């Protein structure tokens, strides 16, 4: 009996131990499954985050994130200068050109035309404008229209570094403004071409003998 009881007890202990062991295996297996699932989820998330963008969605190399596409604002049509139709003559071109508001430089150019040649034919006025433009592009002279016009002892209408008042309501001023724009934009070829000097035909300055004469328009003679 004792042996039988002992054997039964041992069997019971063995069964309990086996049950406990089985329970531990289930727990371990459950944890292992949970761990595998978590690892699988992390791997899935990593895979999603590292998938490269399609070529059409990927930002260009070295391009800031906030500039993904070129942004071009439309230009208001009112800001564009109306195209000038081809003209049969300089006079016709002067009549169709709308100078608009003048910048400081363009006002200097138009003023020189006004004071130096307002009594000359349009071709003579254009030639005076051309001389000023040529000087501004020549390294021997100031590099702006105003610099050329106000250069000391060059234009007789400048007195003590000041320009006389322009009669802005006069037709002569409107023509001078149109001529200035035509010359500046190269709309009409001037007879003066590359001239950088001129004088009235009733005087003969000493420097004129050392220059090459290019044209004479009414009372003005032009040289380079």
N, C-alpha and C. Protein backbone atom coordinates (compact mmCIF):
# COMPACT_ATOMS: atom_id res chain seq x y z
N UNK A 1 0.84 -1.19 0.00
CA UNK A 1 0.00 0.00 0.00
C UNK A 1 0.88 1.25 0.00
N UNK A 2 1.85 1.22 0.88
CA UNK A 2 2.75 2.38 0.93
C UNK A 2 3.43 2.60 -0.39
N UNK A 3 3.83 1.49 -0.98
CA UNK A 3 4.50 1.62 -2.28
C UNK A 3 3.54 2.13 -3.31
N UNK A 4 2.31 1.62 -3.23
CA UNK A 4 1.31 2.08 -4.20
C UNK A 4 1.00 3.53 -4.01
N UNK A 5 0.84 3.97 -2.76
CA UNK A 5 0.54 5.38 -2.46
C UNK A 5 1.66 6.26 -2.94
N UNK A 6 2.89 5.75 -2.62
CA UNK A 6 4.05 6.54 -3.04
C UNK A 6 4.08 6.68 -4.55
N UNK A 7 3.75 5.60 -5.20
CA UNK A 7 3.75 5.65 -6.66
C UNK A 7 2.67 6.57 -7.17
N UNK A 8 1.51 6.54 -6.52
CA UNK A 8 0.42 7.42 -6.93
C UNK A 8 0.79 8.87 -6.69
N UNK A 9 1.42 9.14 -5.55
CA UNK A 9 1.81 10.51 -5.25
C UNK A 9 2.83 11.03 -6.27
N UNK A 10 3.76 10.10 -6.54
CA UNK A 10 4.78 10.51 -7.51
C UNK A 10 4.16 10.76 -8.86
N UNK A 11 3.19 9.94 -9.21
CA UNK A 11 2.53 10.15 -10.49
C UNK A 11 1.77 11.46 -10.49
N UNK A 12 1.13 11.75 -9.34
CA UNK A 12 0.40 13.03 -9.24
C UNK A 12 1.34 14.21 -9.36
N UNK A 13 2.50 14.10 -8.62
CA UNK A 13 3.48 15.19 -8.72
C UNK A 13 3.99 15.34 -10.15
N UNK A 14 4.19 14.19 -10.78
CA UNK A 14 4.68 14.24 -12.16
C UNK A 14 3.67 14.88 -13.09
N UNK A 15 2.39 14.55 -12.86
CA UNK A 15 1.34 15.13 -13.70
C UNK A 15 1.25 16.62 -13.51
N UNK A 16 1.36 17.01 -12.17
CA UNK A 16 1.31 18.47 -11.90
C UNK A 16 2.49 19.19 -12.51
N UNK A 17 3.64 18.56 -12.37
CA UNK A 17 4.84 19.17 -12.94
C UNK A 17 4.72 19.26 -14.44
N UNK A 18 4.15 18.17 -15.02
CA UNK A 18 3.98 18.17 -16.46
C UNK A 18 3.00 19.26 -16.89
N UNK A 19 1.92 19.39 -16.05
CA UNK A 19 0.93 20.43 -16.35
C UNK A 19 1.56 21.82 -16.28
N UNK A 20 2.38 22.01 -15.21
CA UNK A 20 3.04 23.30 -15.06
C UNK A 20 4.00 23.57 -16.22
N UNK A 21 4.71 22.51 -16.58
CA UNK A 21 5.64 22.65 -17.69
C UNK A 21 4.91 22.98 -18.96
N UNK A 22 3.77 22.27 -19.14
CA UNK A 22 2.96 22.55 -20.33
C UNK A 22 2.46 23.97 -20.34
N UNK A 23 2.03 24.42 -19.15
CA UNK A 23 1.55 25.81 -19.05
C UNK A 23 2.65 26.80 -19.39
N UNK A 24 3.86 26.49 -18.89
CA UNK A 24 4.99 27.37 -19.21
C UNK A 24 5.29 27.38 -20.68
N UNK A 25 5.19 26.21 -21.31
CA UNK A 25 5.45 26.17 -22.75
C UNK A 25 4.44 26.99 -23.52
N UNK A 26 3.15 26.91 -23.09
CA UNK A 26 2.11 27.70 -23.75
C UNK A 26 2.38 29.20 -23.62
N UNK A 27 2.78 29.57 -22.38
CA UNK A 27 3.08 30.99 -22.14
C UNK A 27 4.24 31.47 -23.01
N UNK A 28 5.29 30.64 -23.02
CA UNK A 28 6.45 30.99 -23.84
C UNK A 28 6.09 31.06 -25.32
N UNK A 29 5.28 30.11 -25.74
CA UNK A 29 4.87 30.09 -27.14
C UNK A 29 4.04 31.32 -27.48
N UNK A 30 3.13 31.69 -26.53
CA UNK A 30 2.31 32.87 -26.74
C UNK A 30 3.16 34.13 -26.84
N UNK A 31 4.14 34.23 -25.92
CA UNK A 31 5.03 35.39 -25.95
C UNK A 31 5.85 35.42 -27.24
N UNK A 32 6.27 34.21 -27.64
CA UNK A 32 7.05 34.14 -28.87
C UNK A 32 6.23 34.60 -30.06
N UNK A 33 4.95 34.16 -30.10
CA UNK A 33 4.07 34.56 -31.20
C UNK A 33 3.84 36.07 -31.19
N UNK A 34 3.61 36.61 -29.94
CA UNK A 34 3.39 38.05 -29.84
C UNK A 34 4.63 38.82 -30.29
N UNK A 35 5.81 38.29 -29.88
CA UNK A 35 7.06 38.95 -30.27
C UNK A 35 7.24 38.92 -31.77
N UNK A 36 6.93 37.75 -32.37
CA UNK A 36 7.05 37.64 -33.83
C UNK A 36 6.10 38.59 -34.53
N UNK A 37 4.87 38.72 -33.98
CA UNK A 37 3.88 39.61 -34.59
C UNK A 37 4.34 41.06 -34.52
N UNK A 38 4.89 41.44 -33.34
CA UNK A 38 5.37 42.81 -33.18
C UNK A 38 6.52 43.09 -34.13
N UNK A 39 7.43 42.12 -34.23
CA UNK A 39 8.56 42.29 -35.14
C UNK A 39 8.09 42.42 -36.57
N UNK A 40 7.09 41.60 -36.89
CA UNK A 40 6.54 41.66 -38.25
C UNK A 40 5.91 43.01 -38.53
N UNK A 41 5.17 43.58 -37.52
CA UNK A 41 4.55 44.89 -37.68
C UNK A 41 5.59 45.98 -37.85
N UNK A 42 6.67 45.90 -37.00
CA UNK A 42 7.73 46.89 -37.13
C UNK A 42 8.39 46.81 -38.49
N UNK A 43 8.63 45.60 -38.94
CA UNK A 43 9.25 45.44 -40.26
C UNK A 43 8.35 45.98 -41.34
N UNK A 44 7.04 45.77 -41.16
CA UNK A 44 6.09 46.28 -42.15
C UNK A 44 6.10 47.79 -42.17
N UNK A 45 6.13 48.41 -40.96
CA UNK A 45 6.16 49.87 -40.88
C UNK A 45 7.45 50.43 -41.48
N UNK A 46 8.58 49.73 -41.17
CA UNK A 46 9.85 50.18 -41.73
C UNK A 46 9.81 50.12 -43.25
N UNK A 47 9.22 49.08 -43.75
CA UNK A 47 9.16 48.91 -45.20
C UNK A 47 8.33 50.02 -45.83
N UNK A 48 7.24 50.41 -45.15
CA UNK A 48 6.39 51.47 -45.68
C UNK A 48 7.12 52.81 -45.68
N UNK A 49 7.89 53.10 -44.62
CA UNK A 49 8.57 54.39 -44.50
C UNK A 49 9.75 54.52 -45.46
N UNK A 50 10.34 53.42 -45.85
CA UNK A 50 11.54 53.51 -46.68
C UNK A 50 11.28 53.27 -48.15
N UNK A 51 10.02 53.07 -48.52
CA UNK A 51 9.71 52.91 -49.94
C UNK A 51 9.98 54.23 -50.64
N UNK A 52 10.83 54.29 -51.67
CA UNK A 52 11.10 55.57 -52.34
C UNK A 52 9.89 56.08 -53.08
N UNK A 53 9.80 57.43 -53.18
CA UNK A 53 8.69 58.03 -53.91
C UNK A 53 8.83 57.72 -55.39
N UNK A 54 7.71 57.61 -56.08
CA UNK A 54 7.79 57.47 -57.54
C UNK A 54 8.52 58.65 -58.14
N UNK A 55 9.10 58.44 -59.30
CA UNK A 55 9.91 59.48 -59.93
C UNK A 55 9.15 60.78 -60.12
N UNK A 56 7.84 60.68 -60.44
CA UNK A 56 7.09 61.91 -60.70
C UNK A 56 6.75 62.65 -59.43
N UNK A 57 6.84 61.94 -58.25
CA UNK A 57 6.52 62.60 -56.97
C UNK A 57 7.76 63.01 -56.21
N UNK A 58 8.92 62.45 -56.54
CA UNK A 58 10.11 62.71 -55.77
C UNK A 58 10.62 64.12 -56.06
N UNK A 59 11.03 64.89 -55.01
CA UNK A 59 11.59 66.22 -55.25
C UNK A 59 12.92 66.11 -55.96
N UNK A 60 13.26 67.12 -56.75
CA UNK A 60 14.51 67.11 -57.49
C UNK A 60 15.67 67.19 -56.51
N UNK A 61 16.82 66.67 -56.94
CA UNK A 61 18.00 66.67 -56.10
C UNK A 61 18.40 68.09 -55.76
N UNK A 62 18.78 68.28 -54.46
CA UNK A 62 19.25 69.59 -53.98
C UNK A 62 18.21 70.69 -54.10
N UNK A 63 16.94 70.33 -54.25
CA UNK A 63 15.90 71.35 -54.36
C UNK A 63 15.17 71.46 -53.03
N UNK A 64 14.97 72.66 -52.50
CA UNK A 64 14.28 72.79 -51.20
C UNK A 64 12.89 72.18 -51.23
N UNK A 65 12.46 71.67 -50.05
CA UNK A 65 11.15 71.02 -49.97
C UNK A 65 10.02 71.97 -50.34
N UNK A 66 10.21 73.29 -50.07
CA UNK A 66 9.10 74.22 -50.30
C UNK A 66 9.04 74.70 -51.74
N UNK A 67 9.95 74.24 -52.58
CA UNK A 67 9.90 74.58 -54.01
C UNK A 67 9.86 73.27 -54.78
N UNK A 68 8.67 72.76 -54.96
CA UNK A 68 8.53 71.49 -55.68
C UNK A 68 8.28 71.71 -57.15
N UNK A 69 7.71 72.86 -57.49
CA UNK A 69 7.44 73.19 -58.89
C UNK A 69 7.73 74.67 -59.11
N UNK A 70 8.14 75.01 -60.33
CA UNK A 70 8.39 76.41 -60.67
C UNK A 70 7.09 77.19 -60.59
N UNK A 71 7.16 78.36 -59.95
CA UNK A 71 5.98 79.22 -59.81
C UNK A 71 6.21 80.46 -60.66
N UNK A 72 5.38 80.66 -61.65
CA UNK A 72 5.49 81.82 -62.53
C UNK A 72 4.19 82.59 -62.47
N UNK A 73 4.26 83.79 -61.93
CA UNK A 73 3.05 84.59 -61.84
C UNK A 73 2.73 85.19 -63.19
N UNK A 74 1.47 85.17 -63.58
CA UNK A 74 1.11 85.73 -64.89
C UNK A 74 1.34 87.23 -64.91
N UNK A 75 1.79 87.72 -66.04
CA UNK A 75 2.04 89.16 -66.21
C UNK A 75 0.76 89.84 -66.63
N UNK A 76 0.43 90.88 -65.90
CA UNK A 76 -0.75 91.64 -66.23
C UNK A 76 -0.57 92.27 -67.61
N UNK A 77 -1.56 92.10 -68.46
CA UNK A 77 -1.45 92.62 -69.82
C UNK A 77 -1.24 94.13 -69.83
N UNK A 78 -1.72 94.79 -68.79
CA UNK A 78 -1.57 96.25 -68.75
C UNK A 78 -0.11 96.65 -68.55
N UNK A 79 0.73 95.72 -68.02
CA UNK A 79 2.13 96.02 -67.79
C UNK A 79 2.97 95.89 -69.06
N UNK A 80 2.44 95.26 -70.08
CA UNK A 80 3.20 95.07 -71.31
C UNK A 80 3.04 96.29 -72.22
N UNK A 81 4.16 96.69 -72.81
CA UNK A 81 4.09 97.79 -73.77
C UNK A 81 3.42 97.31 -75.04
N UNK A 82 2.52 98.11 -75.55
CA UNK A 82 1.85 97.74 -76.79
C UNK A 82 2.87 97.70 -77.92
N UNK A 83 2.84 96.66 -78.74
CA UNK A 83 3.79 96.59 -79.85
C UNK A 83 3.61 97.74 -80.82
N UNK A 84 4.72 98.20 -81.37
CA UNK A 84 4.69 99.30 -82.32
C UNK A 84 4.62 98.73 -83.73
N UNK A 85 3.60 99.13 -84.46
CA UNK A 85 3.47 98.65 -85.84
C UNK A 85 4.54 99.29 -86.70
N UNK A 86 5.02 98.57 -87.72
CA UNK A 86 6.02 99.15 -88.63
C UNK A 86 5.52 100.47 -89.21
N UNK A 87 6.42 101.46 -89.23
CA UNK A 87 6.04 102.79 -89.73
C UNK A 87 6.76 103.06 -91.05
N UNK A 88 6.10 103.83 -91.89
CA UNK A 88 6.68 104.18 -93.19
C UNK A 88 7.66 105.33 -93.09
N UNK A 89 7.58 106.09 -91.99
CA UNK A 89 8.48 107.24 -91.84
C UNK A 89 8.70 107.50 -90.35
N UNK A 90 9.74 108.25 -90.05
CA UNK A 90 10.00 108.63 -88.67
C UNK A 90 8.86 109.45 -88.11
N UNK A 91 8.30 110.34 -88.94
CA UNK A 91 7.18 111.16 -88.50
C UNK A 91 5.99 110.29 -88.09
N UNK A 92 5.71 109.27 -88.88
CA UNK A 92 4.60 108.37 -88.55
C UNK A 92 4.88 107.62 -87.26
N UNK A 93 6.13 107.21 -87.07
CA UNK A 93 6.50 106.49 -85.85
C UNK A 93 6.35 107.38 -84.62
N UNK A 94 6.76 108.63 -84.73
CA UNK A 94 6.62 109.57 -83.61
C UNK A 94 5.16 109.72 -83.21
N UNK A 95 4.27 109.69 -84.19
CA UNK A 95 2.85 109.88 -83.92
C UNK A 95 2.20 108.68 -83.22
N UNK A 96 2.79 107.49 -83.36
CA UNK A 96 2.17 106.30 -82.77
C UNK A 96 2.85 105.86 -81.48
N UNK A 97 4.05 106.38 -81.22
CA UNK A 97 4.76 105.98 -80.00
C UNK A 97 4.15 106.68 -78.79
N UNK A 98 3.90 105.91 -77.74
CA UNK A 98 3.37 106.46 -76.49
C UNK A 98 4.47 106.33 -75.44
N UNK A 99 5.20 107.41 -75.13
CA UNK A 99 6.33 107.32 -74.20
C UNK A 99 5.94 106.91 -72.79
N UNK A 100 4.72 107.29 -72.35
CA UNK A 100 4.31 106.96 -70.99
C UNK A 100 5.12 107.73 -69.96
N UNK A 101 5.15 107.21 -68.73
CA UNK A 101 5.91 107.86 -67.66
C UNK A 101 7.40 107.69 -67.91
N UNK A 102 8.16 108.76 -67.71
CA UNK A 102 9.59 108.72 -67.96
C UNK A 102 10.37 108.44 -66.70
N UNK A 103 11.37 107.57 -66.81
CA UNK A 103 12.31 107.40 -65.71
C UNK A 103 13.22 108.62 -65.68
N UNK A 104 14.04 108.72 -64.65
CA UNK A 104 14.97 109.85 -64.54
C UNK A 104 15.92 109.88 -65.74
N UNK A 105 16.44 108.73 -66.15
CA UNK A 105 17.37 108.66 -67.26
C UNK A 105 16.71 109.05 -68.58
N UNK A 106 15.50 108.55 -68.79
CA UNK A 106 14.79 108.88 -70.03
C UNK A 106 14.39 110.34 -70.06
N UNK A 107 14.12 110.92 -68.90
CA UNK A 107 13.80 112.36 -68.85
C UNK A 107 15.03 113.18 -69.23
N UNK A 108 16.20 112.75 -68.80
CA UNK A 108 17.42 113.46 -69.18
C UNK A 108 17.62 113.39 -70.68
N UNK A 109 17.37 112.21 -71.27
CA UNK A 109 17.54 112.05 -72.71
C UNK A 109 16.55 112.92 -73.47
N UNK A 110 15.28 112.87 -73.06
CA UNK A 110 14.25 113.67 -73.73
C UNK A 110 14.51 115.16 -73.57
N UNK A 111 14.99 115.57 -72.41
CA UNK A 111 15.26 117.00 -72.17
C UNK A 111 16.38 117.49 -73.06
N UNK A 112 17.41 116.67 -73.27
CA UNK A 112 18.50 117.07 -74.16
C UNK A 112 18.00 117.24 -75.59
N UNK A 113 17.13 116.36 -76.02
CA UNK A 113 16.54 116.49 -77.35
C UNK A 113 15.73 117.78 -77.42
N UNK A 114 14.97 118.04 -76.38
CA UNK A 114 14.10 119.22 -76.34
C UNK A 114 14.91 120.51 -76.41
N UNK A 115 15.93 120.63 -75.59
CA UNK A 115 16.68 121.89 -75.52
C UNK A 115 17.69 122.05 -76.66
N UNK A 116 18.27 120.96 -77.12
CA UNK A 116 19.31 121.05 -78.14
C UNK A 116 18.76 121.07 -79.56
N UNK A 117 17.56 120.49 -79.78
CA UNK A 117 17.16 120.31 -81.19
C UNK A 117 15.66 120.40 -81.44
N UNK A 118 14.92 121.04 -80.57
CA UNK A 118 13.47 121.08 -80.77
C UNK A 118 13.06 121.83 -82.04
N UNK A 119 13.96 122.69 -82.55
CA UNK A 119 13.67 123.40 -83.79
C UNK A 119 14.18 122.67 -85.02
N UNK A 120 14.82 121.51 -84.83
CA UNK A 120 15.37 120.72 -85.93
C UNK A 120 14.32 119.74 -86.46
N UNK A 121 14.52 119.21 -87.67
CA UNK A 121 13.63 118.15 -88.15
C UNK A 121 13.76 116.92 -87.25
N UNK A 122 12.80 116.02 -87.34
CA UNK A 122 12.80 114.84 -86.47
C UNK A 122 14.09 114.03 -86.61
N UNK A 123 14.62 113.95 -87.82
CA UNK A 123 15.87 113.20 -88.01
C UNK A 123 17.02 113.86 -87.24
N UNK A 124 17.01 115.20 -87.16
CA UNK A 124 18.03 115.91 -86.39
C UNK A 124 17.85 115.68 -84.90
N UNK A 125 16.62 115.64 -84.44
CA UNK A 125 16.36 115.37 -83.03
C UNK A 125 16.80 113.94 -82.67
N UNK A 126 16.52 113.02 -83.57
CA UNK A 126 16.92 111.63 -83.34
C UNK A 126 18.44 111.51 -83.29
N UNK A 127 19.13 112.26 -84.11
CA UNK A 127 20.59 112.22 -84.13
C UNK A 127 21.17 112.72 -82.81
N UNK A 128 20.59 113.78 -82.26
CA UNK A 128 21.06 114.29 -80.96
C UNK A 128 20.87 113.22 -79.88
N UNK A 129 19.71 112.58 -79.88
CA UNK A 129 19.47 111.50 -78.92
C UNK A 129 20.48 110.37 -79.11
N UNK A 130 20.81 110.07 -80.36
CA UNK A 130 21.75 108.99 -80.64
C UNK A 130 23.14 109.31 -80.12
N UNK A 131 23.55 110.57 -80.23
CA UNK A 131 24.86 110.97 -79.70
C UNK A 131 24.93 110.72 -78.20
N UNK A 132 23.87 111.08 -77.48
CA UNK A 132 23.85 110.89 -76.03
C UNK A 132 23.90 109.40 -75.68
N UNK A 133 23.14 108.59 -76.40
CA UNK A 133 23.16 107.14 -76.17
C UNK A 133 24.55 106.57 -76.47
N UNK A 134 25.16 107.01 -77.57
CA UNK A 134 26.50 106.53 -77.92
C UNK A 134 27.52 106.91 -76.86
N UNK A 135 27.40 108.11 -76.33
CA UNK A 135 28.33 108.53 -75.27
C UNK A 135 28.17 107.68 -74.01
N UNK A 136 26.93 107.39 -73.65
CA UNK A 136 26.69 106.58 -72.46
C UNK A 136 27.25 105.17 -72.59
N UNK A 137 27.43 104.72 -73.84
CA UNK A 137 27.98 103.38 -74.10
C UNK A 137 29.48 103.42 -74.37
N UNK A 138 30.07 104.61 -74.36
CA UNK A 138 31.49 104.80 -74.63
C UNK A 138 32.21 105.03 -73.30
N UNK A 139 33.29 104.29 -73.06
CA UNK A 139 33.99 104.38 -71.78
C UNK A 139 34.65 105.74 -71.55
N UNK A 140 34.76 106.54 -72.58
CA UNK A 140 35.35 107.88 -72.41
C UNK A 140 34.39 108.87 -71.77
N UNK A 141 33.12 108.49 -71.66
CA UNK A 141 32.09 109.39 -71.15
C UNK A 141 31.36 108.73 -69.98
N UNK A 142 30.58 109.51 -69.23
CA UNK A 142 29.77 108.93 -68.16
C UNK A 142 28.86 107.81 -68.68
N UNK A 143 28.55 106.87 -67.81
CA UNK A 143 27.84 105.66 -68.23
C UNK A 143 26.33 105.74 -68.08
N UNK A 144 25.76 106.92 -68.08
CA UNK A 144 24.30 107.07 -68.00
C UNK A 144 23.90 108.30 -68.80
N UNK A 145 22.64 108.36 -69.18
CA UNK A 145 22.14 109.51 -69.94
C UNK A 145 22.28 110.79 -69.14
N UNK A 146 21.89 110.74 -67.88
CA UNK A 146 21.99 111.94 -67.04
C UNK A 146 23.44 112.34 -66.83
N UNK A 147 24.32 111.36 -66.66
CA UNK A 147 25.74 111.66 -66.51
C UNK A 147 26.29 112.36 -67.73
N UNK A 148 25.88 111.91 -68.92
CA UNK A 148 26.33 112.52 -70.17
C UNK A 148 25.80 113.95 -70.29
N UNK A 149 24.51 114.13 -70.02
CA UNK A 149 23.88 115.43 -70.19
C UNK A 149 24.44 116.46 -69.21
N UNK A 150 24.72 116.02 -67.97
CA UNK A 150 25.20 116.96 -66.95
C UNK A 150 26.72 117.02 -66.87
N UNK A 151 27.41 116.33 -67.76
CA UNK A 151 28.87 116.42 -67.74
C UNK A 151 29.29 117.87 -67.97
N UNK A 152 30.25 118.31 -67.21
CA UNK A 152 30.65 119.73 -67.20
C UNK A 152 31.11 120.19 -68.58
N UNK A 153 30.59 121.36 -68.98
CA UNK A 153 31.00 122.07 -70.19
C UNK A 153 30.75 121.28 -71.48
N UNK A 154 29.68 120.48 -71.51
CA UNK A 154 29.37 119.71 -72.70
C UNK A 154 28.12 120.22 -73.42
N UNK A 155 27.09 120.56 -72.68
CA UNK A 155 25.84 121.04 -73.30
C UNK A 155 25.56 122.45 -72.79
N UNK A 156 25.36 123.35 -73.74
CA UNK A 156 25.23 124.76 -73.39
C UNK A 156 23.96 125.08 -72.61
N UNK A 157 22.94 124.24 -72.71
CA UNK A 157 21.70 124.56 -71.98
C UNK A 157 21.80 124.24 -70.49
N UNK A 158 22.84 123.55 -70.08
CA UNK A 158 23.06 123.28 -68.65
C UNK A 158 23.84 124.47 -68.07
N UNK A 159 23.23 125.15 -67.13
CA UNK A 159 23.84 126.32 -66.51
C UNK A 159 24.07 126.06 -65.02
N UNK A 160 25.35 126.13 -64.61
CA UNK A 160 25.69 125.89 -63.21
C UNK A 160 25.17 124.54 -62.70
N UNK A 161 25.25 123.56 -63.58
CA UNK A 161 24.82 122.21 -63.19
C UNK A 161 23.33 122.03 -63.10
N UNK A 162 22.56 122.98 -63.64
CA UNK A 162 21.11 122.89 -63.57
C UNK A 162 20.50 122.97 -64.96
N UNK A 163 19.36 122.30 -65.10
CA UNK A 163 18.65 122.29 -66.37
C UNK A 163 17.48 123.26 -66.32
N UNK A 164 17.22 123.99 -67.40
CA UNK A 164 16.07 124.90 -67.42
C UNK A 164 14.76 124.11 -67.28
N UNK A 165 13.72 124.82 -67.02
CA UNK A 165 12.41 124.20 -66.88
C UNK A 165 11.84 123.85 -68.25
N UNK A 166 11.28 122.65 -68.35
CA UNK A 166 10.68 122.19 -69.61
C UNK A 166 9.20 122.57 -69.64
N UNK A 167 8.75 123.05 -70.78
CA UNK A 167 7.30 123.30 -70.95
C UNK A 167 6.65 121.97 -71.32
N UNK A 168 6.22 121.26 -70.30
CA UNK A 168 5.74 119.89 -70.50
C UNK A 168 4.41 119.82 -71.24
N UNK A 169 3.71 120.93 -71.38
CA UNK A 169 2.44 120.93 -72.10
C UNK A 169 2.61 121.21 -73.59
N UNK A 170 3.84 121.43 -74.03
CA UNK A 170 4.08 121.82 -75.43
C UNK A 170 4.20 120.60 -76.34
N UNK A 171 3.80 120.74 -77.61
CA UNK A 171 3.97 119.67 -78.59
C UNK A 171 5.44 119.29 -78.75
N UNK A 172 6.35 120.26 -78.59
CA UNK A 172 7.78 119.98 -78.73
C UNK A 172 8.25 118.97 -77.68
N UNK A 173 7.71 119.08 -76.47
CA UNK A 173 8.08 118.13 -75.41
C UNK A 173 7.53 116.73 -75.72
N UNK A 174 6.33 116.66 -76.22
CA UNK A 174 5.76 115.36 -76.58
C UNK A 174 6.58 114.69 -77.68
N UNK A 175 7.03 115.48 -78.65
CA UNK A 175 7.88 114.93 -79.71
C UNK A 175 9.22 114.48 -79.15
N UNK A 176 9.79 115.28 -78.24
CA UNK A 176 11.08 114.93 -77.66
C UNK A 176 10.99 113.62 -76.87
N UNK A 177 9.89 113.43 -76.16
CA UNK A 177 9.71 112.19 -75.40
C UNK A 177 9.60 110.99 -76.35
N UNK A 178 8.87 111.17 -77.43
CA UNK A 178 8.72 110.08 -78.39
C UNK A 178 10.06 109.76 -79.05
N UNK A 179 10.81 110.80 -79.42
CA UNK A 179 12.12 110.60 -80.03
C UNK A 179 13.05 109.88 -79.07
N UNK A 180 13.01 110.24 -77.80
CA UNK A 180 13.87 109.60 -76.80
C UNK A 180 13.59 108.11 -76.72
N UNK A 181 12.32 107.75 -76.72
CA UNK A 181 12.00 106.32 -76.65
C UNK A 181 12.40 105.60 -77.94
N UNK A 182 12.16 106.23 -79.09
CA UNK A 182 12.53 105.62 -80.37
C UNK A 182 14.04 105.36 -80.42
N UNK A 183 14.81 106.34 -79.97
CA UNK A 183 16.27 106.19 -79.98
C UNK A 183 16.71 105.13 -78.97
N UNK A 184 16.17 105.19 -77.78
CA UNK A 184 16.55 104.25 -76.72
C UNK A 184 16.24 102.81 -77.11
N UNK A 185 15.09 102.59 -77.74
CA UNK A 185 14.68 101.23 -78.13
C UNK A 185 15.19 100.82 -79.50
N UNK A 186 15.90 101.71 -80.19
CA UNK A 186 16.44 101.38 -81.50
C UNK A 186 15.37 101.12 -82.55
N UNK A 187 14.29 101.90 -82.50
CA UNK A 187 13.18 101.68 -83.44
C UNK A 187 13.44 102.25 -84.84
N UNK A 188 14.39 103.21 -84.93
CA UNK A 188 14.64 103.84 -86.23
C UNK A 188 16.13 104.15 -86.35
N UNK A 189 16.70 103.83 -87.47
CA UNK A 189 18.12 104.06 -87.69
C UNK A 189 18.41 105.55 -87.86
N UNK A 190 19.36 106.05 -87.09
CA UNK A 190 19.71 107.47 -87.17
C UNK A 190 20.82 107.69 -88.20
N UNK A 191 20.77 108.83 -88.86
CA UNK A 191 21.82 109.21 -89.80
C UNK A 191 23.15 109.46 -89.09
N UNK A 192 23.06 109.77 -87.80
CA UNK A 192 24.28 110.05 -87.04
C UNK A 192 25.05 108.77 -86.72
N UNK A 193 24.38 107.64 -86.78
CA UNK A 193 25.02 106.33 -86.57
C UNK A 193 25.85 106.30 -85.29
N UNK A 194 27.18 106.22 -85.43
CA UNK A 194 28.05 106.08 -84.25
C UNK A 194 28.67 107.40 -83.81
N UNK A 195 28.04 108.52 -84.14
CA UNK A 195 28.58 109.83 -83.76
C UNK A 195 28.56 110.02 -82.24
N UNK A 196 29.60 110.70 -81.73
CA UNK A 196 29.65 111.03 -80.30
C UNK A 196 29.89 112.52 -80.08
N UNK A 197 29.94 113.31 -81.17
CA UNK A 197 30.11 114.75 -81.07
C UNK A 197 29.20 115.43 -82.09
N UNK A 198 28.80 116.66 -81.78
CA UNK A 198 28.11 117.49 -82.77
C UNK A 198 28.26 118.95 -82.39
N UNK A 199 28.07 119.81 -83.37
CA UNK A 199 28.07 121.24 -83.11
C UNK A 199 27.21 121.91 -84.16
N UNK A 200 26.85 123.17 -83.91
CA UNK A 200 26.06 123.94 -84.87
C UNK A 200 26.97 124.35 -86.02
N UNK A 201 26.36 124.48 -87.20
CA UNK A 201 27.17 124.78 -88.39
C UNK A 201 27.68 126.22 -88.44
N UNK A 202 27.24 127.07 -87.52
CA UNK A 202 27.71 128.46 -87.53
C UNK A 202 28.92 128.64 -86.61
N UNK A 203 29.41 127.55 -86.04
CA UNK A 203 30.66 127.61 -85.27
C UNK A 203 31.59 126.52 -85.80
N UNK A 204 32.88 126.66 -85.52
CA UNK A 204 33.85 125.67 -85.96
C UNK A 204 34.85 125.42 -84.82
N UNK A 205 34.50 124.57 -83.87
CA UNK A 205 35.40 124.32 -82.74
C UNK A 205 36.69 123.62 -83.21
N UNK A 206 37.77 123.86 -82.49
CA UNK A 206 39.06 123.30 -82.89
C UNK A 206 39.07 121.77 -82.89
N UNK A 207 38.30 121.17 -81.96
CA UNK A 207 38.32 119.69 -81.89
C UNK A 207 37.72 119.05 -83.13
N UNK A 208 36.88 119.79 -83.87
CA UNK A 208 36.21 119.21 -85.04
C UNK A 208 37.18 118.80 -86.14
N UNK A 209 38.36 119.44 -86.19
CA UNK A 209 39.34 119.12 -87.22
C UNK A 209 40.00 117.76 -86.97
N UNK A 210 39.90 117.28 -85.74
CA UNK A 210 40.52 116.01 -85.40
C UNK A 210 39.51 114.85 -85.40
N UNK A 211 38.26 115.12 -85.76
CA UNK A 211 37.22 114.09 -85.74
C UNK A 211 36.77 113.74 -87.15
N UNK A 212 36.10 112.63 -87.26
CA UNK A 212 35.58 112.18 -88.55
C UNK A 212 34.12 112.60 -88.67
N UNK A 213 33.83 113.37 -89.67
CA UNK A 213 32.46 113.84 -89.89
C UNK A 213 31.59 112.70 -90.41
N UNK A 214 30.41 112.54 -89.81
CA UNK A 214 29.52 111.44 -90.22
C UNK A 214 28.25 111.93 -90.90
N UNK A 215 27.76 113.11 -90.53
CA UNK A 215 26.51 113.60 -91.13
C UNK A 215 26.30 115.06 -90.78
N UNK A 216 25.49 115.73 -91.61
CA UNK A 216 24.99 117.06 -91.29
C UNK A 216 23.48 117.05 -91.50
N UNK A 217 22.76 117.44 -90.46
CA UNK A 217 21.29 117.49 -90.52
C UNK A 217 20.87 118.90 -90.11
N UNK A 218 20.38 119.64 -91.09
CA UNK A 218 20.03 121.04 -90.87
C UNK A 218 21.22 121.80 -90.28
N UNK A 219 21.08 122.33 -89.08
CA UNK A 219 22.14 123.17 -88.53
C UNK A 219 23.17 122.42 -87.68
N UNK A 220 23.04 121.10 -87.56
CA UNK A 220 23.98 120.34 -86.73
C UNK A 220 24.88 119.46 -87.58
N UNK A 221 26.16 119.42 -87.24
CA UNK A 221 27.15 118.57 -87.89
C UNK A 221 27.61 117.54 -86.87
N UNK A 222 27.65 116.27 -87.27
CA UNK A 222 27.95 115.17 -86.34
C UNK A 222 29.28 114.50 -86.68
N UNK A 223 29.99 114.06 -85.64
CA UNK A 223 31.33 113.49 -85.79
C UNK A 223 31.47 112.24 -84.89
N UNK A 224 32.43 111.43 -85.27
CA UNK A 224 32.84 110.31 -84.40
C UNK A 224 34.35 110.40 -84.19
